[in-house]
N, C-alpha and C. Protein backbone atom coordinates (compact mmCIF):
# COMPACT_ATOMS: atom_id res chain seq x y z
N MET A 1 0.83 -1.18 0.06
CA MET A 1 0.00 0.01 -0.05
C MET A 1 0.95 1.26 0.05
N ARG A 2 1.85 1.30 0.84
CA ARG A 2 2.77 2.43 1.07
C ARG A 2 3.46 2.79 -0.37
N LYS A 3 3.92 1.59 -1.01
CA LYS A 3 4.60 1.68 -2.38
C LYS A 3 3.65 2.42 -3.28
N TYR A 4 2.41 1.91 -3.35
CA TYR A 4 1.34 2.45 -4.17
C TYR A 4 1.11 3.92 -3.97
N ILE A 5 0.99 4.37 -2.83
CA ILE A 5 0.73 5.73 -2.49
C ILE A 5 1.93 6.62 -2.82
N LYS A 6 3.17 6.13 -2.80
CA LYS A 6 4.34 6.77 -3.14
C LYS A 6 4.36 7.04 -4.62
N SER A 7 3.89 6.07 -5.50
CA SER A 7 3.71 6.03 -6.83
C SER A 7 2.80 7.18 -7.24
N ILE A 8 1.60 7.25 -6.51
CA ILE A 8 0.67 8.23 -6.93
C ILE A 8 1.28 9.65 -6.64
N ILE A 9 1.81 9.78 -5.52
CA ILE A 9 2.45 11.10 -5.17
C ILE A 9 3.45 11.52 -6.30
N LYS A 10 4.37 10.43 -6.58
CA LYS A 10 5.32 10.73 -7.66
C LYS A 10 4.78 11.21 -8.88
N ASN A 11 3.54 10.62 -9.37
CA ASN A 11 3.05 10.97 -10.67
C ASN A 11 2.25 12.38 -10.52
N ILE A 12 1.76 12.72 -9.41
CA ILE A 12 1.29 14.04 -9.22
C ILE A 12 2.31 15.05 -9.34
N PHE A 13 3.43 14.99 -8.70
CA PHE A 13 4.57 15.84 -8.69
C PHE A 13 5.12 16.03 -10.14
N PHE A 14 5.16 14.93 -10.87
CA PHE A 14 5.64 14.86 -12.28
C PHE A 14 4.65 15.79 -13.12
N TYR A 15 3.32 15.53 -12.95
CA TYR A 15 2.36 16.25 -13.71
C TYR A 15 2.51 17.90 -13.52
N TYR A 16 2.68 18.14 -12.28
CA TYR A 16 2.65 19.63 -12.03
C TYR A 16 4.07 20.23 -12.41
N LEU A 17 5.06 19.51 -12.32
CA LEU A 17 6.42 19.96 -12.62
C LEU A 17 6.83 19.90 -14.11
N ARG A 18 5.98 19.08 -14.87
CA ARG A 18 6.26 18.89 -16.28
C ARG A 18 6.62 20.19 -17.03
N PRO A 19 5.69 21.19 -16.96
CA PRO A 19 6.05 22.36 -17.61
C PRO A 19 7.31 22.96 -17.45
N GLU A 20 7.70 22.99 -16.01
CA GLU A 20 8.95 23.57 -15.65
C GLU A 20 10.17 22.79 -16.21
N ASN A 21 9.88 21.26 -16.14
CA ASN A 21 11.06 20.52 -16.81
C ASN A 21 11.11 20.70 -18.27
N ASN A 22 9.97 21.05 -18.88
CA ASN A 22 10.10 21.09 -20.40
C ASN A 22 10.81 22.36 -20.74
N LYS A 23 10.56 23.47 -19.95
CA LYS A 23 11.33 24.76 -20.10
C LYS A 23 12.90 24.45 -19.91
N LEU A 24 13.22 23.90 -18.90
CA LEU A 24 14.55 23.49 -18.65
C LEU A 24 15.26 22.84 -19.76
N SER A 25 14.48 21.78 -20.14
CA SER A 25 15.04 20.96 -21.28
C SER A 25 15.34 21.61 -22.47
N LYS A 26 14.13 22.35 -22.91
CA LYS A 26 14.22 23.36 -24.13
C LYS A 26 15.44 24.23 -24.05
N LEU A 27 15.64 24.76 -22.88
CA LEU A 27 16.79 25.70 -22.68
C LEU A 27 18.15 25.09 -22.86
N ILE A 28 18.40 23.88 -22.34
CA ILE A 28 19.62 23.25 -22.55
C ILE A 28 19.68 22.67 -23.97
N TYR A 29 18.76 22.29 -24.48
CA TYR A 29 18.88 21.77 -25.92
C TYR A 29 19.22 23.01 -26.84
N ASN A 30 18.68 24.27 -26.41
CA ASN A 30 18.90 25.23 -27.38
C ASN A 30 20.32 25.86 -27.19
N LEU A 31 21.05 25.44 -26.32
CA LEU A 31 22.55 25.74 -26.04
C LEU A 31 23.33 25.11 -27.15
N ASN A 32 22.68 24.06 -27.71
CA ASN A 32 23.45 23.34 -28.71
C ASN A 32 24.83 22.86 -28.30
N THR A 33 25.00 22.28 -27.12
CA THR A 33 26.19 21.89 -26.87
C THR A 33 26.12 20.50 -26.11
N ASP A 34 27.13 19.79 -26.06
CA ASP A 34 27.22 18.45 -25.41
C ASP A 34 27.39 18.68 -23.86
N LEU A 35 26.96 17.62 -23.13
CA LEU A 35 27.40 17.66 -21.65
C LEU A 35 28.14 16.33 -21.41
N ASN A 36 29.19 16.44 -20.74
CA ASN A 36 30.00 15.23 -20.38
C ASN A 36 29.78 14.68 -18.95
N ILE A 37 29.26 13.51 -18.73
CA ILE A 37 29.02 13.20 -17.47
C ILE A 37 29.84 11.89 -17.10
N LEU A 38 30.37 11.91 -15.97
CA LEU A 38 31.15 10.78 -15.58
C LEU A 38 30.46 10.13 -14.27
N ASP A 39 30.02 8.88 -14.47
CA ASP A 39 29.29 8.16 -13.41
C ASP A 39 30.20 7.06 -12.84
N ILE A 40 30.80 7.41 -11.68
CA ILE A 40 31.73 6.48 -11.01
C ILE A 40 31.01 5.59 -9.92
N GLY A 41 30.74 4.28 -10.06
CA GLY A 41 30.08 3.47 -9.34
C GLY A 41 28.67 3.36 -9.88
N ALA A 42 28.55 2.88 -11.19
CA ALA A 42 27.29 3.15 -11.94
C ALA A 42 26.55 1.74 -11.97
N ALA A 43 26.68 0.86 -10.90
CA ALA A 43 26.04 -0.30 -10.89
C ALA A 43 24.43 -0.29 -11.00
N GLY A 44 23.85 0.59 -10.48
CA GLY A 44 22.54 0.89 -10.61
C GLY A 44 22.02 1.48 -11.74
N GLY A 45 22.87 1.82 -12.87
CA GLY A 45 22.65 2.45 -14.02
C GLY A 45 22.53 3.82 -13.88
N VAL A 46 22.58 4.65 -15.16
CA VAL A 46 22.53 6.09 -15.11
C VAL A 46 21.25 6.50 -14.35
N GLN A 47 21.42 7.58 -13.60
CA GLN A 47 20.15 8.04 -12.79
C GLN A 47 19.12 8.71 -13.74
N ASN A 48 17.93 8.45 -13.43
CA ASN A 48 16.66 8.70 -14.14
C ASN A 48 16.56 10.39 -14.35
N LYS A 49 17.21 10.99 -13.41
CA LYS A 49 17.19 12.41 -13.60
C LYS A 49 17.71 13.08 -14.90
N TRP A 50 18.63 12.30 -15.43
CA TRP A 50 19.40 12.74 -16.58
C TRP A 50 18.57 12.44 -17.97
N LYS A 51 17.48 11.89 -17.79
CA LYS A 51 16.64 11.54 -19.10
C LYS A 51 16.06 12.90 -19.65
N LEU A 52 15.82 13.83 -18.72
CA LEU A 52 15.37 15.10 -19.24
C LEU A 52 16.19 15.72 -20.27
N ILE A 53 17.41 15.37 -20.19
CA ILE A 53 18.40 16.02 -21.36
C ILE A 53 19.20 14.97 -21.88
N GLU A 54 18.91 13.71 -21.98
CA GLU A 54 19.72 12.63 -22.22
C GLU A 54 20.26 12.81 -23.70
N LYS A 55 19.67 13.38 -24.58
CA LYS A 55 20.15 13.52 -25.97
C LYS A 55 21.35 14.37 -26.20
N THR A 56 21.69 15.21 -25.10
CA THR A 56 22.82 15.93 -25.08
C THR A 56 23.97 15.37 -24.44
N LEU A 57 23.79 14.22 -23.78
CA LEU A 57 24.88 13.64 -22.92
C LEU A 57 25.79 12.74 -23.47
N ASN A 58 27.03 12.91 -23.17
CA ASN A 58 28.08 11.96 -23.46
C ASN A 58 28.45 11.25 -22.05
N VAL A 59 28.06 9.99 -21.79
CA VAL A 59 28.11 9.51 -20.50
C VAL A 59 29.35 8.45 -20.50
N THR A 60 30.03 8.42 -19.36
CA THR A 60 31.15 7.37 -19.13
C THR A 60 30.78 6.87 -17.85
N CYS A 61 30.54 5.48 -17.78
CA CYS A 61 30.11 4.78 -16.61
C CYS A 61 31.39 3.94 -16.09
N VAL A 62 31.59 4.13 -14.85
CA VAL A 62 32.81 3.30 -14.34
C VAL A 62 32.30 2.28 -13.33
N GLU A 63 32.54 1.12 -13.69
CA GLU A 63 32.14 -0.12 -12.81
C GLU A 63 32.91 -1.26 -13.22
N PRO A 64 33.93 -1.55 -12.16
CA PRO A 64 34.83 -2.70 -12.53
C PRO A 64 34.20 -3.98 -12.34
N ASN A 65 33.14 -4.07 -11.67
CA ASN A 65 32.43 -5.45 -11.59
C ASN A 65 31.85 -5.77 -12.81
N ASN A 66 32.16 -6.97 -13.48
CA ASN A 66 31.68 -7.31 -14.88
C ASN A 66 30.27 -7.73 -14.74
N ALA A 67 29.61 -7.85 -13.69
CA ALA A 67 28.26 -8.25 -13.52
C ALA A 67 27.23 -7.40 -14.07
N TYR A 68 27.63 -6.07 -14.35
CA TYR A 68 26.65 -5.11 -14.78
C TYR A 68 26.77 -4.80 -16.31
N LYS A 69 25.78 -4.62 -16.94
CA LYS A 69 25.67 -4.24 -18.46
C LYS A 69 25.02 -2.93 -18.50
N PHE A 70 25.38 -2.06 -19.44
CA PHE A 70 24.70 -0.72 -19.54
C PHE A 70 24.20 -0.50 -20.94
N LYS A 71 23.08 0.03 -20.97
CA LYS A 71 22.39 0.38 -22.25
C LYS A 71 22.58 1.87 -22.69
N LYS A 72 22.74 2.12 -23.89
CA LYS A 72 23.10 3.35 -24.38
C LYS A 72 21.85 4.30 -24.23
N ASN A 73 20.48 3.81 -24.35
CA ASN A 73 19.39 4.55 -24.28
C ASN A 73 19.48 5.63 -25.34
N LYS A 74 19.18 6.80 -25.05
CA LYS A 74 19.21 7.89 -26.08
C LYS A 74 20.44 8.80 -25.93
N PHE A 75 21.42 8.50 -25.02
CA PHE A 75 22.49 9.40 -24.94
C PHE A 75 23.39 9.46 -26.33
N LYS A 76 24.00 10.61 -26.37
CA LYS A 76 24.81 10.91 -27.59
C LYS A 76 25.85 9.78 -27.77
N SER A 77 26.41 9.43 -26.58
CA SER A 77 27.42 8.39 -26.51
C SER A 77 27.58 7.66 -25.00
N LEU A 78 28.01 6.51 -24.89
CA LEU A 78 28.12 5.73 -23.79
C LEU A 78 29.28 4.96 -23.90
N ASP A 79 30.18 5.30 -22.90
CA ASP A 79 31.37 4.44 -22.77
C ASP A 79 31.49 3.80 -21.27
N VAL A 80 32.00 2.59 -21.22
CA VAL A 80 32.24 1.85 -19.98
C VAL A 80 33.66 1.66 -19.70
N ILE A 81 34.20 2.03 -18.41
CA ILE A 81 35.52 1.67 -17.97
C ILE A 81 35.48 0.84 -16.91
N LYS A 82 36.16 -0.23 -16.92
CA LYS A 82 36.18 -1.40 -15.96
C LYS A 82 37.50 -1.37 -15.23
N LYS A 83 37.76 -0.18 -14.58
CA LYS A 83 39.00 0.02 -13.83
C LYS A 83 38.50 0.50 -12.48
N ILE A 84 39.59 0.46 -11.51
CA ILE A 84 39.27 1.13 -10.25
C ILE A 84 39.81 2.50 -10.23
N PHE A 85 38.88 3.42 -10.00
CA PHE A 85 39.47 4.87 -9.93
C PHE A 85 39.79 5.06 -8.49
N TYR A 86 41.09 5.82 -8.40
CA TYR A 86 41.72 5.91 -7.11
C TYR A 86 42.44 7.30 -7.15
N SER A 87 43.39 7.50 -6.11
CA SER A 87 44.11 8.67 -5.98
C SER A 87 45.37 8.55 -6.75
N LYS A 88 45.95 7.36 -7.21
CA LYS A 88 46.99 7.27 -7.90
C LYS A 88 46.74 6.24 -9.05
N PRO A 89 47.49 6.40 -10.18
CA PRO A 89 47.24 5.57 -11.32
C PRO A 89 48.25 4.35 -11.31
N ASN A 90 48.01 3.35 -12.10
CA ASN A 90 49.03 2.31 -12.34
C ASN A 90 49.29 1.50 -10.91
N GLU A 91 48.41 1.48 -10.08
CA GLU A 91 48.66 0.55 -8.81
C GLU A 91 47.67 -0.69 -8.89
N LYS A 92 48.09 -1.65 -8.16
CA LYS A 92 47.09 -2.90 -8.11
C LYS A 92 46.31 -2.76 -6.90
N LYS A 93 44.90 -2.86 -6.99
CA LYS A 93 44.11 -2.69 -6.04
C LYS A 93 42.95 -3.63 -6.07
N SER A 94 42.57 -4.17 -4.81
CA SER A 94 41.66 -5.29 -4.77
C SER A 94 40.21 -4.73 -4.61
N LEU A 95 39.30 -5.13 -5.41
CA LEU A 95 37.87 -4.93 -5.24
C LEU A 95 37.25 -6.20 -4.60
N PHE A 96 36.56 -5.87 -3.44
CA PHE A 96 36.05 -7.07 -2.73
C PHE A 96 34.42 -7.21 -3.08
N ILE A 97 34.18 -8.09 -4.00
CA ILE A 97 32.73 -8.38 -4.39
C ILE A 97 31.87 -9.07 -3.22
N THR A 98 30.84 -8.45 -2.70
CA THR A 98 30.03 -8.99 -1.75
C THR A 98 28.75 -9.64 -2.32
N LYS A 99 28.18 -10.33 -1.41
CA LYS A 99 27.02 -11.16 -1.82
C LYS A 99 25.90 -10.11 -2.28
N ASN A 100 25.66 -8.95 -1.65
CA ASN A 100 24.98 -7.94 -2.04
C ASN A 100 25.97 -7.07 -2.85
N GLN A 101 25.79 -7.24 -4.16
CA GLN A 101 26.99 -6.66 -5.00
C GLN A 101 26.95 -5.21 -5.03
N LEU A 102 25.94 -4.42 -4.57
CA LEU A 102 26.00 -3.06 -4.54
C LEU A 102 26.71 -2.66 -3.55
N MET A 103 27.21 -3.57 -2.48
CA MET A 103 28.01 -3.03 -1.44
C MET A 103 29.38 -3.34 -1.77
N SER A 104 29.98 -3.77 -2.90
CA SER A 104 31.24 -4.10 -3.16
C SER A 104 32.13 -2.82 -3.11
N SER A 105 33.26 -3.07 -2.66
CA SER A 105 34.19 -1.99 -2.12
C SER A 105 35.75 -2.43 -2.20
N ILE A 106 36.52 -1.46 -2.16
CA ILE A 106 37.93 -1.64 -2.00
C ILE A 106 38.25 -1.57 -0.46
N TYR A 107 37.21 -1.06 0.32
CA TYR A 107 37.29 -1.26 1.77
C TYR A 107 36.60 -2.30 2.22
N LYS A 108 37.16 -3.01 3.33
CA LYS A 108 36.53 -4.15 4.03
C LYS A 108 35.59 -3.66 5.14
N GLN A 109 34.59 -4.52 5.36
CA GLN A 109 33.56 -4.27 6.38
C GLN A 109 34.28 -4.08 7.81
N ASN A 110 33.65 -3.05 8.45
CA ASN A 110 34.04 -2.79 9.91
C ASN A 110 32.98 -3.49 10.84
N HIS A 111 33.43 -4.68 11.09
CA HIS A 111 32.35 -5.57 11.79
C HIS A 111 32.01 -5.03 13.28
N SER A 112 32.94 -4.28 13.83
CA SER A 112 32.71 -3.79 15.23
C SER A 112 31.64 -2.67 15.12
N TYR A 113 31.38 -2.19 14.00
CA TYR A 113 30.31 -1.20 13.76
C TYR A 113 29.04 -1.80 13.29
N THR A 114 29.19 -2.46 12.23
CA THR A 114 27.98 -3.03 11.57
C THR A 114 27.17 -4.15 12.57
N ASN A 115 28.00 -4.64 13.49
CA ASN A 115 27.38 -5.76 14.25
C ASN A 115 26.45 -5.11 15.37
N LYS A 116 26.40 -3.69 15.40
CA LYS A 116 25.59 -3.00 16.48
C LYS A 116 24.05 -3.04 15.76
N PHE A 117 24.04 -3.39 14.54
CA PHE A 117 22.68 -3.20 13.84
C PHE A 117 22.15 -4.83 13.51
N ILE A 118 21.05 -4.99 13.75
CA ILE A 118 20.47 -6.41 13.59
C ILE A 118 19.53 -6.58 12.50
N PHE A 119 19.22 -5.46 11.62
CA PHE A 119 18.18 -5.62 10.56
C PHE A 119 18.83 -6.25 9.44
N GLY A 120 18.17 -6.80 8.47
CA GLY A 120 18.69 -7.64 7.34
C GLY A 120 19.85 -7.02 6.36
N TYR A 121 19.57 -5.57 6.27
CA TYR A 121 20.44 -4.96 5.25
C TYR A 121 21.80 -5.05 5.49
N THR A 122 22.23 -4.98 6.74
CA THR A 122 23.56 -4.96 7.34
C THR A 122 24.10 -6.37 7.86
N ASN A 123 23.26 -7.23 7.50
CA ASN A 123 23.73 -8.77 8.20
C ASN A 123 24.89 -9.26 7.48
N GLU A 124 25.50 -10.22 8.02
CA GLU A 124 26.74 -10.63 7.57
C GLU A 124 26.67 -11.23 6.10
N GLU A 125 25.52 -11.73 5.72
CA GLU A 125 25.34 -12.12 4.36
C GLU A 125 25.43 -11.11 3.39
N SER A 126 24.88 -9.94 3.79
CA SER A 126 25.00 -8.83 2.74
C SER A 126 26.58 -8.42 2.51
N PHE A 127 27.23 -8.37 3.57
CA PHE A 127 28.67 -7.93 3.41
C PHE A 127 29.69 -9.07 3.05
N LYS A 128 29.15 -10.32 3.10
CA LYS A 128 29.98 -11.37 2.81
C LYS A 128 30.73 -11.27 1.56
N VAL A 129 32.07 -11.40 1.51
CA VAL A 129 32.91 -11.28 0.33
C VAL A 129 32.81 -12.60 -0.39
N ILE A 130 32.40 -12.59 -1.67
CA ILE A 130 32.34 -13.87 -2.28
C ILE A 130 33.37 -14.11 -3.33
N LYS A 131 34.15 -12.91 -3.75
CA LYS A 131 35.32 -13.07 -4.53
C LYS A 131 36.03 -11.80 -4.49
N GLN A 132 37.29 -11.82 -5.02
CA GLN A 132 38.08 -10.72 -4.98
C GLN A 132 38.74 -10.52 -6.40
N ILE A 133 38.61 -9.28 -6.84
CA ILE A 133 39.01 -8.87 -8.22
C ILE A 133 40.22 -7.96 -7.98
N ASP A 134 41.40 -8.31 -8.56
CA ASP A 134 42.49 -7.43 -8.54
C ASP A 134 42.60 -6.66 -9.87
N LEU A 135 42.71 -5.44 -9.81
CA LEU A 135 42.67 -4.56 -11.11
C LEU A 135 43.71 -3.44 -10.82
N GLU A 136 44.00 -2.86 -11.97
CA GLU A 136 44.89 -1.83 -12.03
C GLU A 136 44.10 -0.48 -11.81
N THR A 137 44.67 0.49 -11.11
CA THR A 137 43.97 1.69 -10.86
C THR A 137 44.19 2.81 -11.87
N THR A 138 43.39 3.66 -12.04
CA THR A 138 43.54 4.92 -12.72
C THR A 138 42.98 6.03 -11.94
N THR A 139 43.19 7.29 -12.49
CA THR A 139 42.52 8.39 -11.83
C THR A 139 41.69 9.29 -12.83
N VAL A 140 40.79 9.94 -12.36
CA VAL A 140 40.10 10.99 -13.21
C VAL A 140 41.00 11.77 -14.08
N ASP A 141 41.93 12.33 -13.53
CA ASP A 141 42.87 13.37 -14.10
C ASP A 141 43.61 12.58 -15.32
N ASP A 142 44.12 11.24 -15.16
CA ASP A 142 44.64 10.62 -16.09
C ASP A 142 43.85 10.10 -17.25
N SER A 143 42.63 9.58 -16.89
CA SER A 143 41.65 9.08 -17.85
C SER A 143 41.02 10.04 -18.74
N PHE A 144 41.00 11.35 -18.18
CA PHE A 144 40.28 12.43 -18.93
C PHE A 144 41.03 13.47 -19.16
N LYS A 145 42.45 13.31 -19.42
CA LYS A 145 43.35 14.24 -19.58
C LYS A 145 43.07 15.23 -20.78
N ASN A 146 42.52 14.64 -21.73
CA ASN A 146 42.26 15.27 -23.07
C ASN A 146 40.69 15.42 -23.46
N LYS A 147 39.91 15.38 -22.36
CA LYS A 147 38.48 15.41 -22.43
C LYS A 147 37.93 16.33 -21.30
N ASN A 148 36.92 16.90 -21.82
CA ASN A 148 36.23 17.96 -20.69
C ASN A 148 35.20 16.92 -20.08
N LEU A 149 35.11 17.32 -18.73
CA LEU A 149 34.12 16.83 -17.95
C LEU A 149 33.15 17.90 -17.32
N ASP A 150 31.89 17.87 -17.36
CA ASP A 150 30.91 18.74 -16.84
C ASP A 150 30.35 18.39 -15.38
N PHE A 151 30.15 17.06 -15.18
CA PHE A 151 29.61 16.68 -14.05
C PHE A 151 30.07 15.18 -13.51
N ILE A 152 30.32 15.12 -12.33
CA ILE A 152 30.82 13.75 -11.81
C ILE A 152 29.95 13.34 -10.74
N LYS A 153 29.48 12.01 -10.76
CA LYS A 153 28.70 11.40 -9.69
C LYS A 153 29.64 10.28 -9.11
N ILE A 154 29.87 10.30 -7.86
CA ILE A 154 30.64 9.17 -7.12
C ILE A 154 29.81 8.39 -6.22
N ASP A 155 29.81 7.16 -6.33
CA ASP A 155 29.07 6.28 -5.51
C ASP A 155 30.07 5.10 -5.32
N ALA A 156 30.97 5.13 -4.50
CA ALA A 156 32.01 4.09 -4.76
C ALA A 156 32.29 3.32 -3.31
N GLU A 157 31.26 3.35 -2.67
CA GLU A 157 31.25 2.55 -1.21
C GLU A 157 32.44 2.88 -0.43
N GLY A 158 32.84 4.26 -0.06
CA GLY A 158 33.91 4.46 0.75
C GLY A 158 35.06 5.09 0.09
N ALA A 159 35.19 4.96 -1.23
CA ALA A 159 36.37 5.38 -2.03
C ALA A 159 36.26 6.89 -2.48
N HIS A 160 35.22 7.51 -2.13
CA HIS A 160 34.99 8.81 -2.64
C HIS A 160 36.26 9.81 -2.49
N LEU A 161 36.72 10.01 -1.39
CA LEU A 161 37.90 10.92 -1.23
C LEU A 161 39.13 10.49 -2.06
N ASP A 162 39.47 9.16 -2.13
CA ASP A 162 40.53 8.53 -2.82
C ASP A 162 40.28 9.02 -4.24
N ILE A 163 39.07 9.05 -4.89
CA ILE A 163 38.87 9.35 -6.28
C ILE A 163 39.08 10.86 -6.41
N LEU A 164 38.51 11.64 -5.58
CA LEU A 164 38.71 13.00 -5.53
C LEU A 164 40.07 13.47 -5.65
N LYS A 165 41.13 12.88 -4.84
CA LYS A 165 42.45 13.18 -4.94
C LYS A 165 43.13 12.80 -6.05
N GLY A 166 42.45 12.11 -6.79
CA GLY A 166 43.11 11.74 -8.11
C GLY A 166 42.33 12.59 -9.33
N SER A 167 41.63 13.60 -8.88
CA SER A 167 40.78 14.42 -9.77
C SER A 167 41.13 15.95 -9.66
N THR A 168 42.31 16.27 -8.98
CA THR A 168 42.45 17.67 -8.70
C THR A 168 42.66 18.56 -9.86
N ASN A 169 42.99 18.12 -11.00
CA ASN A 169 43.05 19.04 -12.25
C ASN A 169 41.60 19.29 -12.81
N LYS A 170 40.77 18.20 -12.84
CA LYS A 170 39.67 18.35 -13.41
C LYS A 170 38.55 19.17 -12.40
N LEU A 171 38.72 19.16 -11.05
CA LEU A 171 37.94 19.76 -10.14
C LEU A 171 37.93 21.32 -10.42
N ASN A 172 38.99 21.85 -11.10
CA ASN A 172 39.07 23.18 -11.38
C ASN A 172 38.19 23.67 -12.53
N ASP A 173 37.60 22.76 -13.21
CA ASP A 173 36.72 22.91 -14.45
C ASP A 173 35.28 22.53 -14.46
N ILE A 174 35.09 21.47 -13.65
CA ILE A 174 33.68 20.99 -13.70
C ILE A 174 32.67 21.93 -13.07
N LEU A 175 31.43 21.61 -13.41
CA LEU A 175 30.11 22.40 -12.95
C LEU A 175 29.74 21.89 -11.48
N GLY A 176 29.77 20.59 -11.38
CA GLY A 176 29.23 19.99 -10.19
C GLY A 176 29.49 18.68 -9.85
N LEU A 177 29.21 18.19 -8.66
CA LEU A 177 29.52 16.84 -8.20
C LEU A 177 28.39 16.40 -7.39
N GLU A 178 28.08 15.14 -7.55
CA GLU A 178 27.16 14.46 -6.60
C GLU A 178 27.93 13.11 -6.00
N ILE A 179 27.99 13.24 -4.62
CA ILE A 179 28.81 12.27 -4.00
C ILE A 179 28.13 11.42 -2.84
N GLU A 180 28.30 10.09 -2.88
CA GLU A 180 27.50 9.55 -1.73
C GLU A 180 28.84 9.44 -0.49
N CYS A 181 28.35 9.99 0.54
CA CYS A 181 29.28 10.02 1.69
C CYS A 181 28.72 9.27 2.87
N GLU A 182 29.62 8.90 3.86
CA GLU A 182 29.14 8.24 5.07
C GLU A 182 29.61 9.13 6.30
N PHE A 183 28.71 8.99 7.28
CA PHE A 183 28.95 9.74 8.67
C PHE A 183 29.68 8.81 9.66
N PHE A 184 29.60 7.54 9.37
CA PHE A 184 30.21 6.65 10.24
C PHE A 184 30.94 5.55 9.53
N ASN A 185 32.03 5.00 10.22
CA ASN A 185 32.73 3.92 9.63
C ASN A 185 32.24 2.78 9.63
N TYR A 186 31.31 2.38 8.73
CA TYR A 186 30.91 1.04 8.58
C TYR A 186 31.76 0.09 7.58
N ARG A 187 32.85 0.82 7.09
CA ARG A 187 33.91 0.09 6.45
C ARG A 187 35.20 0.61 7.16
N LYS A 188 36.16 -0.28 7.12
CA LYS A 188 37.47 0.03 7.86
C LYS A 188 38.22 1.14 7.20
N GLN A 189 38.39 2.30 8.03
CA GLN A 189 39.28 3.30 7.53
C GLN A 189 38.89 4.11 6.34
N HIS A 190 37.61 4.14 6.07
CA HIS A 190 37.39 4.80 4.95
C HIS A 190 36.82 6.29 5.38
N PRO A 191 37.23 7.32 4.43
CA PRO A 191 36.92 8.62 4.96
C PRO A 191 35.43 9.05 5.24
N LEU A 192 35.22 9.99 5.89
CA LEU A 192 33.85 10.50 6.24
C LEU A 192 33.34 11.67 5.58
N TYR A 193 32.28 12.13 5.79
CA TYR A 193 31.46 13.24 5.27
C TYR A 193 32.30 14.45 5.32
N HIS A 194 32.74 14.71 6.61
CA HIS A 194 33.41 16.03 6.86
C HIS A 194 34.83 16.18 6.04
N GLU A 195 35.50 15.06 5.84
CA GLU A 195 36.70 14.96 5.16
C GLU A 195 36.48 15.41 3.70
N VAL A 196 35.42 14.96 3.08
CA VAL A 196 35.16 15.31 1.67
C VAL A 196 34.75 16.81 1.60
N ILE A 197 33.96 17.23 2.55
CA ILE A 197 33.62 18.76 2.46
C ILE A 197 34.76 19.51 2.56
N ASN A 198 35.69 19.20 3.60
CA ASN A 198 36.87 20.07 3.72
C ASN A 198 37.78 19.97 2.58
N PHE A 199 37.81 18.76 1.85
CA PHE A 199 38.87 18.77 0.71
C PHE A 199 38.19 19.64 -0.46
N LEU A 200 36.88 19.57 -0.79
CA LEU A 200 36.31 20.22 -1.77
C LEU A 200 36.26 21.81 -1.67
N GLU A 201 36.26 22.10 -0.35
CA GLU A 201 36.37 23.70 -0.21
C GLU A 201 37.52 24.36 -0.54
N LYS A 202 38.76 23.42 -0.68
CA LYS A 202 39.95 23.96 -1.35
C LYS A 202 39.72 24.41 -2.76
N PHE A 203 38.73 23.77 -3.45
CA PHE A 203 38.53 24.08 -4.87
C PHE A 203 37.34 24.90 -5.13
N ASN A 204 36.95 25.61 -4.08
CA ASN A 204 35.80 26.50 -3.94
C ASN A 204 34.54 25.87 -4.37
N PHE A 205 34.26 24.62 -4.03
CA PHE A 205 33.02 24.07 -4.18
C PHE A 205 32.15 24.47 -3.06
N GLU A 206 30.90 24.63 -3.31
CA GLU A 206 29.88 24.91 -2.24
C GLU A 206 28.89 23.81 -1.99
N PHE A 207 28.64 23.44 -0.76
CA PHE A 207 27.68 22.35 -0.64
C PHE A 207 26.26 22.87 -0.86
N ILE A 208 25.40 22.22 -1.61
CA ILE A 208 24.10 22.75 -2.00
C ILE A 208 23.02 21.96 -1.10
N ASP A 209 23.10 20.69 -1.21
CA ASP A 209 21.90 19.86 -0.57
C ASP A 209 22.31 18.35 -0.28
N PHE A 210 21.56 17.74 0.63
CA PHE A 210 21.49 16.33 0.73
C PHE A 210 20.25 15.89 -0.19
N LEU A 211 20.62 14.99 -1.22
CA LEU A 211 19.62 14.72 -2.06
C LEU A 211 18.74 13.41 -1.49
N SER A 212 19.44 12.74 -0.75
CA SER A 212 18.85 11.66 0.11
C SER A 212 19.47 11.45 1.21
N ILE A 213 18.95 10.97 2.30
CA ILE A 213 19.67 10.59 3.51
C ILE A 213 19.11 9.03 3.96
N MET A 214 20.06 8.25 4.10
CA MET A 214 19.78 6.80 4.47
C MET A 214 20.16 6.67 5.94
N ARG A 215 19.28 6.39 6.88
CA ARG A 215 19.41 6.23 8.28
C ARG A 215 19.58 4.77 8.65
N TRP A 216 20.53 4.39 9.35
CA TRP A 216 20.47 3.00 9.98
C TRP A 216 20.00 3.28 11.48
N GLU A 217 18.90 2.61 11.81
CA GLU A 217 18.44 2.54 13.03
C GLU A 217 18.79 1.02 13.69
N ARG A 218 18.71 0.96 14.93
CA ARG A 218 19.18 -0.32 15.51
C ARG A 218 18.49 -1.60 14.92
N ASN A 219 17.15 -1.51 14.63
CA ASN A 219 16.29 -2.62 14.23
C ASN A 219 15.75 -2.48 12.84
N LYS A 220 16.10 -1.42 12.13
CA LYS A 220 15.63 -1.30 10.85
C LYS A 220 16.46 -0.23 10.07
N PHE A 221 16.24 -0.36 8.65
CA PHE A 221 17.01 0.49 7.75
C PHE A 221 15.98 1.55 7.18
């Protein structure tokens, strides 16, 4: 029932916002220019919000796990990179593939923290490593040395700051970032939200909004 109600509300919002969305879409198309989007951690597919202007987009998806395939849809172009993006290039790094593959990471689970929670999302089965992939690292600066980037999305299960440290040249030119950050160490030694904010302030980025917040309560997610 709750899912059904959310669907109705979503359709109502879409109906009322459609004229505004159409204006925005028309404005961007009239600029007659391409936009280059880098999606690091694209396992869930390119976000639906980009459909509004998808015909202007050159999209690069980064996903080292071969379990995922990507559709071009109506994008101007779609490339897929199966490397680990990191702070330094040409290093060997391990990606730990977990049973819940969306939680795969170069950082291992911090059991002392996750064991405080008893709901299914964070149980041992979800974090259980089923295989390890050893890959060569690259950086945003190296991979896109001769290509412009307009927007970067990073959802890398704890590796966000590592990736940003390998992007210092590109950070001077891009329009915006969307980054999944954590407030607690549910993985061992991964950087937290405040470290990302402090790093990006050096490049004159301003925090705009939390697009979504996922809360872990003791008994539920």
